Amino acid sequence: AGTPVRAVATVVAEEHSHCWVNVTDTCRALRSGD
């Protein structure tokens, strides 16, 4: 709390679009870690 995150974030996925990217509520963390 109050301290910047110094850990490196892992980019799991990226989406690109020339118009816009749809954001949905589908993202779920699975028990497997995936």
Full PDB file with SEQRES, HELIX, SHEET, SSBOND, CRYST1, ORIGX, SCALE, CONECT and MASTER records, all heavy atoms in Angstrom:
SEQRES   1 A   34  ALA GLY THR PRO VAL ARG ALA VAL ALA THR VAL VAL ALA          
SEQRES   2 A   34  GLU GLU HIS SER HIS CYS TRP VAL ASN VAL THR ASP THR          
SEQRES   3 A   34  CYS ARG ALA LEU ARG SER GLY ASP                              
CRYST1    1.000    1.000    1.000  90.00  90.00  90.00 P 1           1          
ORIGX1      1.000000  0.000000  0.000000        0.00000                         
ORIGX2      0.000000  1.000000  0.000000        0.00000                         
ORIGX3      0.000000  0.000000  1.000000        0.00000                         
SCALE1      1.000000  0.000000  0.000000        0.00000                         
SCALE2      0.000000  1.000000  0.000000        0.00000                         
SCALE3      0.000000  0.000000  1.000000        0.00000                         
ATOM      1  N   ALA A   1       0.838  -1.206   0.000  1.00  0.00           N  
ATOM      2  CA  ALA A   1       0.000   0.000   0.000  1.00  0.00           C  
ATOM      3  C   ALA A   1       0.870   1.251   0.000  1.00  0.00           C  
ATOM      4  O   ALA A   1       1.746   1.401   0.841  1.00  0.00           O  
ATOM      5  CB  ALA A   1      -0.930  -0.012   1.203  1.00  0.00           C  
ATOM      6  N   GLY A   2       0.622   2.123  -0.949  1.00  0.00           N  
ATOM      7  CA  GLY A   2       1.357   3.381  -1.035  1.00  0.00           C  
ATOM      8  C   GLY A   2       2.711   3.271  -1.695  1.00  0.00           C  
ATOM      9  O   GLY A   2       3.411   4.256  -1.827  1.00  0.00           O  
ATOM     10  N   THR A   3       3.117   2.085  -2.107  1.00  0.00           N  
ATOM     11  CA  THR A   3       4.416   1.882  -2.734  1.00  0.00           C  
ATOM     12  C   THR A   3       4.197   1.401  -4.163  1.00  0.00           C  
ATOM     13  O   THR A   3       3.375   0.512  -4.380  1.00  0.00           O  
ATOM     14  CB  THR A   3       5.232   0.821  -1.970  1.00  0.00           C  
ATOM     15  OG1 THR A   3       5.345   1.239  -0.613  1.00  0.00           O  
ATOM     16  CG2 THR A   3       6.613   0.646  -2.566  1.00  0.00           C  
ATOM     17  N   PRO A   4       4.922   1.941  -5.145  1.00  0.00           N  
ATOM     18  CA  PRO A   4       4.753   1.478  -6.520  1.00  0.00           C  
ATOM     19  C   PRO A   4       5.108  -0.002  -6.653  1.00  0.00           C  
ATOM     20  O   PRO A   4       5.997  -0.503  -5.964  1.00  0.00           O  
ATOM     21  CB  PRO A   4       5.745   2.320  -7.325  1.00  0.00           C  
ATOM     22  CG  PRO A   4       6.081   3.476  -6.456  1.00  0.00           C  
ATOM     23  CD  PRO A   4       5.902   3.021  -5.039  1.00  0.00           C  
ATOM     24  N   VAL A   5       4.414  -0.680  -7.528  1.00  0.00           N  
ATOM     25  CA  VAL A   5       4.723  -2.083  -7.795  1.00  0.00           C  
ATOM     26  C   VAL A   5       6.053  -2.143  -8.523  1.00  0.00           C  
ATOM     27  O   VAL A   5       6.235  -1.526  -9.554  1.00  0.00           O  
ATOM     28  CB  VAL A   5       3.610  -2.730  -8.657  1.00  0.00           C  
ATOM     29  CG1 VAL A   5       4.008  -4.134  -9.069  1.00  0.00           C  
ATOM     30  CG2 VAL A   5       2.310  -2.749  -7.895  1.00  0.00           C  
ATOM     31  N   ARG A   6       6.988  -2.873  -7.964  1.00  0.00           N  
ATOM     32  CA  ARG A   6       8.313  -2.992  -8.568  1.00  0.00           C  
ATOM     33  C   ARG A   6       8.490  -4.333  -9.273  1.00  0.00           C  
ATOM     34  O   ARG A   6       9.458  -4.548  -9.960  1.00  0.00           O  
ATOM     35  CB  ARG A   6       9.384  -2.821  -7.499  1.00  0.00           C  
ATOM     36  CG  ARG A   6       9.335  -1.460  -6.865  1.00  0.00           C  
ATOM     37  CD  ARG A   6      10.477  -0.601  -7.344  1.00  0.00           C  
ATOM     38  NE  ARG A   6      10.369   0.722  -6.758  1.00  0.00           N  
ATOM     39  CZ  ARG A   6      10.312   1.827  -7.473  1.00  0.00           C  
ATOM     40  NH1 ARG A   6      10.348   1.785  -8.776  1.00  0.00           N  
ATOM     41  NH2 ARG A   6      10.220   2.992  -6.889  1.00  0.00           N  
ATOM     42  N   ALA A   7       7.544  -5.235  -9.078  1.00  0.00           N  
ATOM     43  CA  ALA A   7       7.630  -6.533  -9.737  1.00  0.00           C  
ATOM     44  C   ALA A   7       7.274  -6.378 -11.210  1.00  0.00           C  
ATOM     45  O   ALA A   7       6.450  -5.550 -11.574  1.00  0.00           O  
ATOM     46  CB  ALA A   7       6.687  -7.522  -9.078  1.00  0.00           C  
ATOM     47  N   VAL A   8       7.902  -7.171 -12.020  1.00  0.00           N  
ATOM     48  CA  VAL A   8       7.605  -7.151 -13.443  1.00  0.00           C  
ATOM     49  C   VAL A   8       6.269  -7.848 -13.669  1.00  0.00           C  
ATOM     50  O   VAL A   8       6.033  -8.943 -13.174  1.00  0.00           O  
ATOM     51  CB  VAL A   8       8.720  -7.854 -14.246  1.00  0.00           C  
ATOM     52  CG1 VAL A   8       8.358  -7.944 -15.706  1.00  0.00           C  
ATOM     53  CG2 VAL A   8      10.033  -7.116 -14.055  1.00  0.00           C  
ATOM     54  N   ALA A   9       5.400  -7.201 -14.400  1.00  0.00           N  
ATOM     55  CA  ALA A   9       4.109  -7.780 -14.752  1.00  0.00           C  
ATOM     56  C   ALA A   9       4.303  -8.689 -15.959  1.00  0.00           C  
ATOM     57  O   ALA A   9       5.050  -8.373 -16.879  1.00  0.00           O  
ATOM     58  CB  ALA A   9       3.112  -6.685 -15.069  1.00  0.00           C  
ATOM     59  N   THR A  10       3.629  -9.828 -15.950  1.00  0.00           N  
ATOM     60  CA  THR A  10       3.665 -10.763 -17.069  1.00  0.00           C  
ATOM     61  C   THR A  10       2.514 -10.451 -18.001  1.00  0.00           C  
ATOM     62  O   THR A  10       1.358 -10.442 -17.581  1.00  0.00           O  
ATOM     63  CB  THR A  10       3.525 -12.217 -16.570  1.00  0.00           C  
ATOM     64  OG1 THR A  10       4.588 -12.485 -15.665  1.00  0.00           O  
ATOM     65  CG2 THR A  10       3.557 -13.205 -17.707  1.00  0.00           C  
ATOM     66  N   VAL A  11       2.808 -10.171 -19.262  1.00  0.00           N  
ATOM     67  CA  VAL A  11       1.768  -9.958 -20.258  1.00  0.00           C  
ATOM     68  C   VAL A  11       1.343 -11.335 -20.751  1.00  0.00           C  
ATOM     69  O   VAL A  11       2.101 -12.053 -21.373  1.00  0.00           O  
ATOM     70  CB  VAL A  11       2.259  -9.089 -21.426  1.00  0.00           C  
ATOM     71  CG1 VAL A  11       1.163  -8.942 -22.482  1.00  0.00           C  
ATOM     72  CG2 VAL A  11       2.714  -7.725 -20.923  1.00  0.00           C  
ATOM     73  N   VAL A  12       0.111 -11.718 -20.428  1.00  0.00           N  
ATOM     74  CA  VAL A  12      -0.413 -13.040 -20.772  1.00  0.00           C  
ATOM     75  C   VAL A  12      -1.011 -13.025 -22.174  1.00  0.00           C  
ATOM     76  O   VAL A  12      -0.873 -13.990 -22.922  1.00  0.00           O  
ATOM     77  CB  VAL A  12      -1.468 -13.496 -19.741  1.00  0.00           C  
ATOM     78  CG1 VAL A  12      -2.047 -14.852 -20.097  1.00  0.00           C  
ATOM     79  CG2 VAL A  12      -0.852 -13.527 -18.344  1.00  0.00           C  
ATOM     80  N   ALA A  13      -1.678 -11.931 -22.538  1.00  0.00           N  
ATOM     81  CA  ALA A  13      -2.319 -11.837 -23.855  1.00  0.00           C  
ATOM     82  C   ALA A  13      -2.402 -10.385 -24.287  1.00  0.00           C  
ATOM     83  O   ALA A  13      -2.423  -9.481 -23.449  1.00  0.00           O  
ATOM     84  CB  ALA A  13      -3.712 -12.439 -23.810  1.00  0.00           C  
ATOM     85  N   GLU A  14      -2.461 -10.176 -25.598  1.00  0.00           N  
ATOM     86  CA  GLU A  14      -2.645  -8.850 -26.173  1.00  0.00           C  
ATOM     87  C   GLU A  14      -3.589  -8.956 -27.361  1.00  0.00           C  
ATOM     88  O   GLU A  14      -3.548  -9.935 -28.103  1.00  0.00           O  
ATOM     89  CB  GLU A  14      -1.329  -8.253 -26.653  1.00  0.00           C  
ATOM     90  CG  GLU A  14      -0.349  -7.962 -25.550  1.00  0.00           C  
ATOM     91  CD  GLU A  14       0.856  -7.199 -26.050  1.00  0.00           C  
ATOM     92  OE1 GLU A  14       0.712  -6.039 -26.473  1.00  0.00           O  
ATOM     93  OE2 GLU A  14       1.941  -7.807 -26.017  1.00  0.00           O  
ATOM     94  N   GLU A  15      -4.426  -7.954 -27.507  1.00  0.00           N  
ATOM     95  CA  GLU A  15      -5.326  -7.836 -28.657  1.00  0.00           C  
ATOM     96  C   GLU A  15      -5.126  -6.453 -29.257  1.00  0.00           C  
ATOM     97  O   GLU A  15      -5.003  -5.465 -28.526  1.00  0.00           O  
ATOM     98  CB  GLU A  15      -6.788  -7.991 -28.227  1.00  0.00           C  
ATOM     99  CG  GLU A  15      -7.138  -9.335 -27.653  1.00  0.00           C  
ATOM    100  CD  GLU A  15      -7.297 -10.426 -28.711  1.00  0.00           C  
ATOM    101  OE1 GLU A  15      -7.697 -10.122 -29.841  1.00  0.00           O  
ATOM    102  OE2 GLU A  15      -7.012 -11.581 -28.371  1.00  0.00           O  
ATOM    103  N   HIS A  16      -5.088  -6.381 -30.578  1.00  0.00           N  
ATOM    104  CA  HIS A  16      -4.954  -5.113 -31.294  1.00  0.00           C  
ATOM    105  C   HIS A  16      -6.073  -5.012 -32.323  1.00  0.00           C  
ATOM    106  O   HIS A  16      -6.493  -6.028 -32.883  1.00  0.00           O  
ATOM    107  CB  HIS A  16      -3.617  -5.035 -32.037  1.00  0.00           C  
ATOM    108  CG  HIS A  16      -2.424  -5.095 -31.158  1.00  0.00           C  
ATOM    109  ND1 HIS A  16      -1.893  -3.987 -30.558  1.00  0.00           N  
ATOM    110  CD2 HIS A  16      -1.664  -6.137 -30.764  1.00  0.00           C  
ATOM    111  CE1 HIS A  16      -0.841  -4.345 -29.841  1.00  0.00           C  
ATOM    112  NE2 HIS A  16      -0.685  -5.649 -29.940  1.00  0.00           N  
ATOM    113  N   SER A  17      -6.518  -3.791 -32.601  1.00  0.00           N  
ATOM    114  CA  SER A  17      -7.510  -3.558 -33.637  1.00  0.00           C  
ATOM    115  C   SER A  17      -7.282  -2.168 -34.214  1.00  0.00           C  
ATOM    116  O   SER A  17      -6.883  -1.258 -33.489  1.00  0.00           O  
ATOM    117  CB  SER A  17      -8.922  -3.654 -33.074  1.00  0.00           C  
ATOM    118  OG  SER A  17      -9.869  -3.285 -34.057  1.00  0.00           O  
ATOM    119  N   HIS A  18      -7.544  -1.998 -35.496  1.00  0.00           N  
ATOM    120  CA  HIS A  18      -7.412  -0.668 -36.094  1.00  0.00           C  
ATOM    121  C   HIS A  18      -8.639   0.199 -35.765  1.00  0.00           C  
ATOM    122  O   HIS A  18      -8.585   1.406 -35.890  1.00  0.00           O  
ATOM    123  CB  HIS A  18      -7.186  -0.753 -37.601  1.00  0.00           C  
ATOM    124  CG  HIS A  18      -8.338  -1.313 -38.366  1.00  0.00           C  
ATOM    125  ND1 HIS A  18      -8.586  -2.661 -38.455  1.00  0.00           N  
ATOM    126  CD2 HIS A  18      -9.324  -0.700 -39.052  1.00  0.00           C  
ATOM    127  CE1 HIS A  18      -9.671  -2.854 -39.179  1.00  0.00           C  
ATOM    128  NE2 HIS A  18     -10.145  -1.683 -39.555  1.00  0.00           N  
ATOM    129  N   CYS A  19      -9.749  -0.416 -35.330  1.00  0.00           N  
ATOM    130  CA  CYS A  19     -10.950   0.331 -34.920  1.00  0.00           C  
ATOM    131  C   CYS A  19     -10.999   0.446 -33.405  1.00  0.00           C  
ATOM    132  O   CYS A  19     -10.736   1.487 -32.854  1.00  0.00           O  
ATOM    133  CB  CYS A  19     -12.208  -0.364 -35.422  1.00  0.00           C  
ATOM    134  SG  CYS A  19     -12.321  -0.441 -37.202  1.00  0.00           S  
ATOM    135  N   TRP A  20     -11.360  -0.635 -32.722  1.00  0.00           N  
ATOM    136  CA  TRP A  20     -11.371  -0.707 -31.268  1.00  0.00           C  
ATOM    137  C   TRP A  20     -11.395  -2.170 -30.859  1.00  0.00           C  
ATOM    138  O   TRP A  20     -11.757  -3.036 -31.636  1.00  0.00           O  
ATOM    139  CB  TRP A  20     -12.553   0.039 -30.643  1.00  0.00           C  
ATOM    140  CG  TRP A  20     -13.882  -0.586 -30.904  1.00  0.00           C  
ATOM    141  CD1 TRP A  20     -14.459  -1.613 -30.194  1.00  0.00           C  
ATOM    142  CD2 TRP A  20     -14.797  -0.273 -31.940  1.00  0.00           C  
ATOM    143  NE1 TRP A  20     -15.676  -1.944 -30.729  1.00  0.00           N  
ATOM    144  CE2 TRP A  20     -15.903  -1.125 -31.826  1.00  0.00           C  
ATOM    145  CE3 TRP A  20     -14.786   0.663 -32.982  1.00  0.00           C  
ATOM    146  CZ2 TRP A  20     -16.977  -1.072 -32.687  1.00  0.00           C  
ATOM    147  CZ3 TRP A  20     -15.867   0.705 -33.832  1.00  0.00           C  
ATOM    148  CH2 TRP A  20     -16.946  -0.156 -33.673  1.00  0.00           C  
ATOM    149  N   VAL A  21     -11.009  -2.409 -29.630  1.00  0.00           N  
ATOM    150  CA  VAL A  21     -11.016  -3.756 -29.066  1.00  0.00           C  
ATOM    151  C   VAL A  21     -12.247  -3.886 -28.177  1.00  0.00           C  
ATOM    152  O   VAL A  21     -12.508  -3.012 -27.344  1.00  0.00           O  
ATOM    153  CB  VAL A  21      -9.739  -4.019 -28.236  1.00  0.00           C  
ATOM    154  CG1 VAL A  21      -9.781  -5.398 -27.606  1.00  0.00           C  
ATOM    155  CG2 VAL A  21      -8.500  -3.867 -29.086  1.00  0.00           C  
ATOM    156  N   ASN A  22     -12.992  -4.949 -28.363  1.00  0.00           N  
ATOM    157  CA  ASN A  22     -14.135  -5.213 -27.492  1.00  0.00           C  
ATOM    158  C   ASN A  22     -13.641  -5.769 -26.158  1.00  0.00           C  
ATOM    159  O   ASN A  22     -12.871  -6.713 -26.133  1.00  0.00           O  
ATOM    160  CB  ASN A  22     -15.084  -6.229 -28.132  1.00  0.00           C  
ATOM    161  CG  ASN A  22     -15.835  -5.633 -29.295  1.00  0.00           C  
ATOM    162  OD1 ASN A  22     -16.364  -4.525 -29.191  1.00  0.00           O  
ATOM    163  ND2 ASN A  22     -15.875  -6.333 -30.398  1.00  0.00           N  
ATOM    164  N   VAL A  23     -14.087  -5.169 -25.069  1.00  0.00           N  
ATOM    165  CA  VAL A  23     -13.771  -5.661 -23.728  1.00  0.00           C  
ATOM    166  C   VAL A  23     -14.997  -6.410 -23.232  1.00  0.00           C  
ATOM    167  O   VAL A  23     -16.107  -5.886 -23.267  1.00  0.00           O  
ATOM    168  CB  VAL A  23     -13.431  -4.498 -22.771  1.00  0.00           C  
ATOM    169  CG1 VAL A  23     -13.165  -5.015 -21.372  1.00  0.00           C  
ATOM    170  CG2 VAL A  23     -12.230  -3.726 -23.299  1.00  0.00           C  
ATOM    171  N   THR A  24     -14.787  -7.648 -22.790  1.00  0.00           N  
ATOM    172  CA  THR A  24     -15.904  -8.462 -22.316  1.00  0.00           C  
ATOM    173  C   THR A  24     -15.646  -8.921 -20.879  1.00  0.00           C  
ATOM    174  O   THR A  24     -14.581  -8.694 -20.322  1.00  0.00           O  
ATOM    175  CB  THR A  24     -16.095  -9.710 -23.212  1.00  0.00           C  
ATOM    176  OG1 THR A  24     -14.975 -10.565 -23.043  1.00  0.00           O  
ATOM    177  CG2 THR A  24     -16.235  -9.318 -24.675  1.00  0.00           C  
ATOM    178  N   ASP A  25     -16.612  -9.608 -20.319  1.00  0.00           N  
ATOM    179  CA  ASP A  25     -16.490 -10.144 -18.961  1.00  0.00           C  
ATOM    180  C   ASP A  25     -16.085 -11.610 -18.962  1.00  0.00           C  
ATOM    181  O   ASP A  25     -16.256 -12.308 -17.971  1.00  0.00           O  
ATOM    182  CB  ASP A  25     -17.827 -10.000 -18.218  1.00  0.00           C  
ATOM    183  CG  ASP A  25     -18.153  -8.558 -17.906  1.00  0.00           C  
ATOM    184  OD1 ASP A  25     -17.213  -7.792 -17.624  1.00  0.00           O  
ATOM    185  OD2 ASP A  25     -19.339  -8.192 -17.954  1.00  0.00           O  
ATOM    186  N   THR A  26     -15.550 -12.098 -20.064  1.00  0.00           N  
ATOM    187  CA  THR A  26     -15.238 -13.518 -20.208  1.00  0.00           C  
ATOM    188  C   THR A  26     -13.986 -13.943 -19.454  1.00  0.00           C  
ATOM    189  O   THR A  26     -13.876 -15.096 -19.053  1.00  0.00           O  
ATOM    190  CB  THR A  26     -15.071 -13.868 -21.707  1.00  0.00           C  
ATOM    191  OG1 THR A  26     -16.244 -13.459 -22.387  1.00  0.00           O  
ATOM    192  CG2 THR A  26     -14.864 -15.343 -21.907  1.00  0.00           C  
ATOM    193  N   CYS A  27     -13.044 -13.057 -19.242  1.00  0.00           N  
ATOM    194  CA  CYS A  27     -11.770 -13.437 -18.629  1.00  0.00           C  
ATOM    195  C   CYS A  27     -11.990 -14.077 -17.260  1.00  0.00           C  
ATOM    196  O   CYS A  27     -12.646 -13.509 -16.388  1.00  0.00           O  
ATOM    197  CB  CYS A  27     -10.864 -12.224 -18.498  1.00  0.00           C  
ATOM    198  SG  CYS A  27      -9.224 -12.641 -17.896  1.00  0.00           S  
ATOM    199  N   ARG A  28     -11.432 -15.268 -17.101  1.00  0.00           N  
ATOM    200  CA  ARG A  28     -11.546 -16.009 -15.843  1.00  0.00           C  
ATOM    201  C   ARG A  28     -10.219 -16.670 -15.503  1.00  0.00           C  
ATOM    202  O   ARG A  28      -9.573 -17.253 -16.378  1.00  0.00           O  
ATOM    203  CB  ARG A  28     -12.582 -17.136 -15.940  1.00  0.00           C  
ATOM    204  CG  ARG A  28     -13.990 -16.700 -16.194  1.00  0.00           C  
ATOM    205  CD  ARG A  28     -14.632 -16.136 -14.919  1.00  0.00           C  
ATOM    206  NE  ARG A  28     -16.034 -15.833 -15.121  1.00  0.00           N  
ATOM    207  CZ  ARG A  28     -16.505 -14.681 -15.575  1.00  0.00           C  
ATOM    208  NH1 ARG A  28     -15.684 -13.717 -15.904  1.00  0.00           N  
ATOM    209  NH2 ARG A  28     -17.807 -14.485 -15.701  1.00  0.00           N  
ATOM    210  N   ALA A  29      -9.828 -16.604 -14.247  1.00  0.00           N  
ATOM    211  CA  ALA A  29      -8.672 -17.344 -13.767  1.00  0.00           C  
ATOM    212  C   ALA A  29      -9.131 -18.766 -13.460  1.00  0.00           C  
ATOM    213  O   ALA A  29     -10.119 -18.956 -12.756  1.00  0.00           O  
ATOM    214  CB  ALA A  29      -8.103 -16.678 -12.522  1.00  0.00           C  
ATOM    215  N   LEU A  30      -8.446 -19.745 -14.002  1.00  0.00           N  
ATOM    216  CA  LEU A  30      -8.803 -21.143 -13.797  1.00  0.00           C  
ATOM    217  C   LEU A  30      -7.945 -21.755 -12.692  1.00  0.00           C  
ATOM    218  O   LEU A  30      -6.833 -21.290 -12.426  1.00  0.00           O  
ATOM    219  CB  LEU A  30      -8.618 -21.917 -15.101  1.00  0.00           C  
ATOM    220  CG  LEU A  30      -9.381 -21.353 -16.310  1.00  0.00           C  
ATOM    221  CD1 LEU A  30      -9.018 -22.129 -17.566  1.00  0.00           C  
ATOM    222  CD2 LEU A  30     -10.873 -21.379 -16.058  1.00  0.00           C  
ATOM    223  N   ARG A  31      -8.431 -22.792 -12.059  1.00  0.00           N  
ATOM    224  CA  ARG A  31      -7.684 -23.457 -10.979  1.00  0.00           C  
ATOM    225  C   ARG A  31      -6.322 -23.956 -11.429  1.00  0.00           C  
ATOM    226  O   ARG A  31      -5.400 -24.068 -10.637  1.00  0.00           O  
ATOM    227  CB  ARG A  31      -8.490 -24.626 -10.429  1.00  0.00           C  
ATOM    228  CG  ARG A  31      -9.661 -24.199  -9.614  1.00  0.00           C  
ATOM    229  CD  ARG A  31     -10.359 -25.377  -8.991  1.00  0.00           C  
ATOM    230  NE  ARG A  31     -11.609 -24.926  -8.412  1.00  0.00           N  
ATOM    231  CZ  ARG A  31     -12.660 -25.670  -8.259  1.00  0.00           C  
ATOM    232  NH1 ARG A  31     -12.635 -26.940  -8.619  1.00  0.00           N  
ATOM    233  NH2 ARG A  31     -13.749 -25.180  -7.731  1.00  0.00           N  
ATOM    234  N   SER A  32      -6.194 -24.267 -12.700  1.00  0.00           N  
ATOM    235  CA  SER A  32      -4.932 -24.768 -13.248  1.00  0.00           C  
ATOM    236  C   SER A  32      -3.843 -23.697 -13.288  1.00  0.00           C  
ATOM    237  O   SER A  32      -2.682 -23.997 -13.522  1.00  0.00           O  
ATOM    238  CB  SER A  32      -5.156 -25.303 -14.661  1.00  0.00           C  
ATOM    239  OG  SER A  32      -5.545 -24.232 -15.524  1.00  0.00           O  
ATOM    240  N   GLY A  33      -4.244 -22.423 -13.088  1.00  0.00           N  
ATOM    241  CA  GLY A  33      -3.304 -21.318 -13.222  1.00  0.00           C  
ATOM    242  C   GLY A  33      -3.406 -20.650 -14.585  1.00  0.00           C  
ATOM    243  O   GLY A  33      -2.804 -19.611 -14.818  1.00  0.00           O  
ATOM    244  N   ASP A  34      -4.169 -21.252 -15.488  1.00  0.00           N  
ATOM    245  CA  ASP A  34      -4.392 -20.694 -16.817  1.00  0.00           C  
ATOM    246  C   ASP A  34      -5.549 -19.692 -16.766  1.00  0.00           C  
ATOM    247  O   ASP A  34      -6.184 -19.517 -15.731  1.00  0.00           O  
ATOM    248  CB  ASP A  34      -4.717 -21.804 -17.821  1.00  0.00           C  
ATOM    249  CG  ASP A  34      -3.561 -22.774 -18.013  1.00  0.00           C  
ATOM    250  OD1 ASP A  34      -2.391 -22.373 -17.799  1.00  0.00           O  
ATOM    251  OD2 ASP A  34      -3.828 -23.927 -18.368  1.00  0.00           O  
TER     252      ASP A  34                                                      
MASTER        0    0    0    0    0    0    0    6  251    1    0    3          
END                                                                             
